[in-house]
Amino acid sequence: MTQPPPHTPLILNTGPINCVERECPEYHTADGYYDPTIERCSHVATTVVCGLCSVESDHGFYDETTPWPCPDVAPSA
């Protein structure tokens, strides 16, 4: 039997679906062209969760998240 992966931090982008999928007007220039240099629009925030305890659905989104630092991780001595 294999060991489960360790509790590790995972950075998620959270916000409206059209923003997370980069369909927000802020990802485009004034001329209407897509600008790949924009990391994220102002409607998207980053959230750090536990990659092991958070539950990813079949469609690639996280239905349940456990904030980082994970309460299941033993404090280091």
N, C-alpha and C. Protein backbone atom coordinates (compact mmCIF):
# COMPACT_ATOMS: atom_id res chain seq x y z
N MET A 1 0.84 -1.18 0.00
CA MET A 1 0.00 0.00 0.00
C MET A 1 0.89 1.24 0.00
N THR A 2 0.58 2.20 -0.86
CA THR A 2 1.40 3.41 -0.96
C THR A 2 0.99 4.43 0.09
N GLN A 3 1.94 5.24 0.48
CA GLN A 3 1.68 6.30 1.45
C GLN A 3 0.98 7.47 0.74
N PRO A 4 0.03 8.13 1.40
CA PRO A 4 -0.59 9.30 0.79
C PRO A 4 0.43 10.43 0.71
N PRO A 5 0.24 11.37 -0.22
CA PRO A 5 1.18 12.49 -0.32
C PRO A 5 1.13 13.32 0.96
N PRO A 6 2.21 13.99 1.29
CA PRO A 6 2.23 14.78 2.52
C PRO A 6 1.33 16.01 2.40
N HIS A 7 1.00 16.56 3.54
CA HIS A 7 0.25 17.81 3.56
C HIS A 7 1.18 18.90 3.01
N THR A 8 0.79 19.52 1.93
CA THR A 8 1.60 20.59 1.34
C THR A 8 0.70 21.75 0.95
N PRO A 9 1.22 22.98 0.97
CA PRO A 9 0.41 24.12 0.57
C PRO A 9 0.14 24.10 -0.93
N LEU A 10 -1.05 24.50 -1.32
CA LEU A 10 -1.47 24.58 -2.71
C LEU A 10 -2.10 25.95 -2.91
N ILE A 11 -1.65 26.68 -3.93
CA ILE A 11 -2.18 28.01 -4.19
C ILE A 11 -3.30 27.90 -5.22
N LEU A 12 -4.49 28.39 -4.86
CA LEU A 12 -5.65 28.38 -5.76
C LEU A 12 -6.04 29.81 -6.10
N ASN A 13 -6.48 30.01 -7.33
CA ASN A 13 -7.08 31.28 -7.72
C ASN A 13 -8.57 31.17 -7.48
N THR A 14 -9.13 32.13 -6.75
CA THR A 14 -10.56 32.10 -6.45
C THR A 14 -11.21 33.39 -6.92
N GLY A 15 -12.43 33.26 -7.42
CA GLY A 15 -13.18 34.42 -7.90
C GLY A 15 -14.27 33.97 -8.85
N PRO A 16 -14.92 34.93 -9.51
CA PRO A 16 -15.97 34.58 -10.47
C PRO A 16 -15.44 33.67 -11.57
N ILE A 17 -16.25 32.75 -12.03
CA ILE A 17 -15.82 31.74 -13.00
C ILE A 17 -15.26 32.37 -14.28
N ASN A 18 -15.88 33.43 -14.77
CA ASN A 18 -15.38 34.03 -16.01
C ASN A 18 -14.00 34.67 -15.79
N CYS A 19 -13.71 35.08 -14.56
CA CYS A 19 -12.40 35.65 -14.26
C CYS A 19 -11.35 34.56 -14.10
N VAL A 20 -11.70 33.50 -13.40
CA VAL A 20 -10.77 32.38 -13.21
C VAL A 20 -10.43 31.74 -14.56
N GLU A 21 -11.39 31.69 -15.46
CA GLU A 21 -11.16 31.12 -16.79
C GLU A 21 -10.64 32.15 -17.79
N ARG A 22 -10.23 33.32 -17.28
CA ARG A 22 -9.58 34.37 -18.06
C ARG A 22 -10.48 34.95 -19.16
N GLU A 23 -11.78 35.03 -18.90
CA GLU A 23 -12.71 35.62 -19.86
C GLU A 23 -13.13 37.03 -19.47
N CYS A 24 -12.57 37.55 -18.39
CA CYS A 24 -12.88 38.89 -17.91
C CYS A 24 -12.30 39.93 -18.88
N PRO A 25 -13.00 41.06 -19.08
CA PRO A 25 -12.47 42.11 -19.96
C PRO A 25 -11.10 42.64 -19.54
N GLU A 26 -10.74 42.50 -18.26
CA GLU A 26 -9.43 43.00 -17.80
C GLU A 26 -8.26 42.24 -18.41
N TYR A 27 -8.50 41.07 -18.99
CA TYR A 27 -7.43 40.31 -19.63
C TYR A 27 -7.19 40.77 -21.07
N HIS A 28 -7.89 41.79 -21.49
CA HIS A 28 -7.77 42.29 -22.86
C HIS A 28 -7.28 43.73 -22.85
N THR A 29 -6.62 44.12 -23.93
CA THR A 29 -6.15 45.49 -24.08
C THR A 29 -7.33 46.38 -24.45
N ALA A 30 -7.10 47.68 -24.48
CA ALA A 30 -8.15 48.63 -24.87
C ALA A 30 -8.62 48.36 -26.29
N ASP A 31 -7.74 47.77 -27.13
CA ASP A 31 -8.10 47.44 -28.51
C ASP A 31 -8.91 46.15 -28.60
N GLY A 32 -9.06 45.43 -27.47
CA GLY A 32 -9.82 44.19 -27.48
C GLY A 32 -8.98 42.94 -27.66
N TYR A 33 -7.65 43.08 -27.72
CA TYR A 33 -6.78 41.93 -27.90
C TYR A 33 -6.46 41.28 -26.55
N TYR A 34 -6.37 39.97 -26.55
CA TYR A 34 -6.02 39.23 -25.34
C TYR A 34 -4.59 39.55 -24.95
N ASP A 35 -4.34 39.81 -23.67
CA ASP A 35 -3.00 40.14 -23.16
C ASP A 35 -2.53 39.02 -22.22
N PRO A 36 -1.68 38.10 -22.70
CA PRO A 36 -1.23 36.97 -21.87
C PRO A 36 -0.31 37.38 -20.72
N THR A 37 0.16 38.63 -20.71
CA THR A 37 1.07 39.06 -19.64
C THR A 37 0.33 39.39 -18.34
N ILE A 38 -0.98 39.50 -18.38
CA ILE A 38 -1.75 39.80 -17.17
C ILE A 38 -1.91 38.50 -16.38
N GLU A 39 -1.35 38.49 -15.17
CA GLU A 39 -1.36 37.27 -14.35
C GLU A 39 -2.77 36.92 -13.89
N ARG A 40 -3.50 37.91 -13.37
CA ARG A 40 -4.89 37.70 -12.96
C ARG A 40 -5.58 39.05 -12.89
N CYS A 41 -6.89 39.03 -13.05
CA CYS A 41 -7.65 40.28 -13.00
C CYS A 41 -7.89 40.68 -11.54
N SER A 42 -8.46 41.86 -11.34
CA SER A 42 -8.66 42.39 -9.99
C SER A 42 -9.75 41.64 -9.22
N HIS A 43 -10.53 40.81 -9.89
CA HIS A 43 -11.61 40.06 -9.24
C HIS A 43 -11.14 38.73 -8.67
N VAL A 44 -9.90 38.34 -8.99
CA VAL A 44 -9.37 37.04 -8.58
C VAL A 44 -8.42 37.22 -7.41
N ALA A 45 -8.58 36.38 -6.40
CA ALA A 45 -7.69 36.37 -5.24
C ALA A 45 -7.01 35.02 -5.17
N THR A 46 -5.84 34.98 -4.57
CA THR A 46 -5.17 33.70 -4.36
C THR A 46 -5.44 33.24 -2.93
N THR A 47 -5.65 31.95 -2.79
CA THR A 47 -5.92 31.33 -1.50
C THR A 47 -4.97 30.16 -1.34
N VAL A 48 -4.38 30.01 -0.16
CA VAL A 48 -3.48 28.88 0.09
C VAL A 48 -4.24 27.85 0.93
N VAL A 49 -4.30 26.62 0.40
CA VAL A 49 -5.02 25.53 1.06
C VAL A 49 -4.09 24.32 1.18
N CYS A 50 -4.52 23.32 1.94
CA CYS A 50 -3.78 22.06 2.05
C CYS A 50 -4.12 21.21 0.82
N GLY A 51 -3.10 20.83 0.06
CA GLY A 51 -3.32 20.04 -1.15
C GLY A 51 -3.83 18.64 -0.88
N LEU A 52 -3.53 18.09 0.29
CA LEU A 52 -3.97 16.73 0.62
C LEU A 52 -5.41 16.72 1.14
N CYS A 53 -5.76 17.67 1.98
CA CYS A 53 -7.07 17.67 2.64
C CYS A 53 -8.17 18.35 1.81
N SER A 54 -7.80 19.14 0.81
CA SER A 54 -8.80 19.81 -0.01
C SER A 54 -9.30 18.85 -1.08
N VAL A 55 -10.58 18.93 -1.41
CA VAL A 55 -11.22 17.96 -2.30
C VAL A 55 -11.49 18.59 -3.66
N GLU A 56 -10.80 18.05 -4.68
CA GLU A 56 -10.99 18.52 -6.05
C GLU A 56 -12.09 17.70 -6.71
N SER A 57 -13.00 18.38 -7.40
CA SER A 57 -14.10 17.68 -8.07
C SER A 57 -13.63 17.15 -9.43
N ASP A 58 -14.50 16.43 -10.10
CA ASP A 58 -14.19 15.88 -11.41
C ASP A 58 -13.99 16.96 -12.46
N HIS A 59 -14.57 18.14 -12.26
CA HIS A 59 -14.47 19.20 -13.25
C HIS A 59 -13.30 20.15 -12.99
N GLY A 60 -12.42 19.81 -12.05
CA GLY A 60 -11.20 20.58 -11.84
C GLY A 60 -11.28 21.72 -10.85
N PHE A 61 -12.42 21.89 -10.21
CA PHE A 61 -12.57 22.93 -9.21
C PHE A 61 -12.58 22.28 -7.83
N TYR A 62 -12.29 23.05 -6.82
CA TYR A 62 -12.26 22.52 -5.45
C TYR A 62 -13.59 22.78 -4.77
N ASP A 63 -14.27 21.69 -4.40
CA ASP A 63 -15.56 21.81 -3.72
C ASP A 63 -15.38 22.03 -2.23
N GLU A 64 -14.34 21.46 -1.66
CA GLU A 64 -14.04 21.63 -0.24
C GLU A 64 -12.57 21.97 -0.11
N THR A 65 -12.27 22.95 0.73
CA THR A 65 -10.87 23.32 0.95
C THR A 65 -10.56 23.38 2.44
N THR A 66 -9.33 23.06 2.76
CA THR A 66 -8.82 23.17 4.13
C THR A 66 -7.73 24.24 4.10
N PRO A 67 -7.90 25.32 4.86
CA PRO A 67 -6.91 26.41 4.82
C PRO A 67 -5.53 25.94 5.27
N TRP A 68 -4.53 26.62 4.75
CA TRP A 68 -3.15 26.36 5.16
C TRP A 68 -2.75 27.40 6.18
N PRO A 69 -2.09 27.09 7.27
CA PRO A 69 -1.54 25.78 7.60
C PRO A 69 -2.64 24.80 8.01
N CYS A 70 -2.49 23.58 7.56
CA CYS A 70 -3.48 22.53 7.80
C CYS A 70 -3.52 22.16 9.28
N PRO A 71 -4.71 22.08 9.87
CA PRO A 71 -4.80 21.70 11.28
C PRO A 71 -4.38 20.24 11.54
N ASP A 72 -4.32 19.41 10.49
CA ASP A 72 -3.92 18.01 10.67
C ASP A 72 -2.41 17.80 10.68
N VAL A 73 -1.66 18.85 10.38
CA VAL A 73 -0.20 18.74 10.36
C VAL A 73 0.32 18.94 11.78
N ALA A 74 1.12 18.01 12.23
CA ALA A 74 1.70 18.12 13.58
C ALA A 74 2.68 19.29 13.60
N PRO A 75 2.63 20.12 14.63
CA PRO A 75 3.59 21.23 14.69
C PRO A 75 5.01 20.70 14.82
N SER A 76 5.93 21.38 14.14
CA SER A 76 7.32 20.93 14.20
C SER A 76 7.93 21.25 15.56
N ALA A 77 8.78 20.36 16.01
CA ALA A 77 9.38 20.52 17.35
C ALA A 77 10.52 21.49 17.35
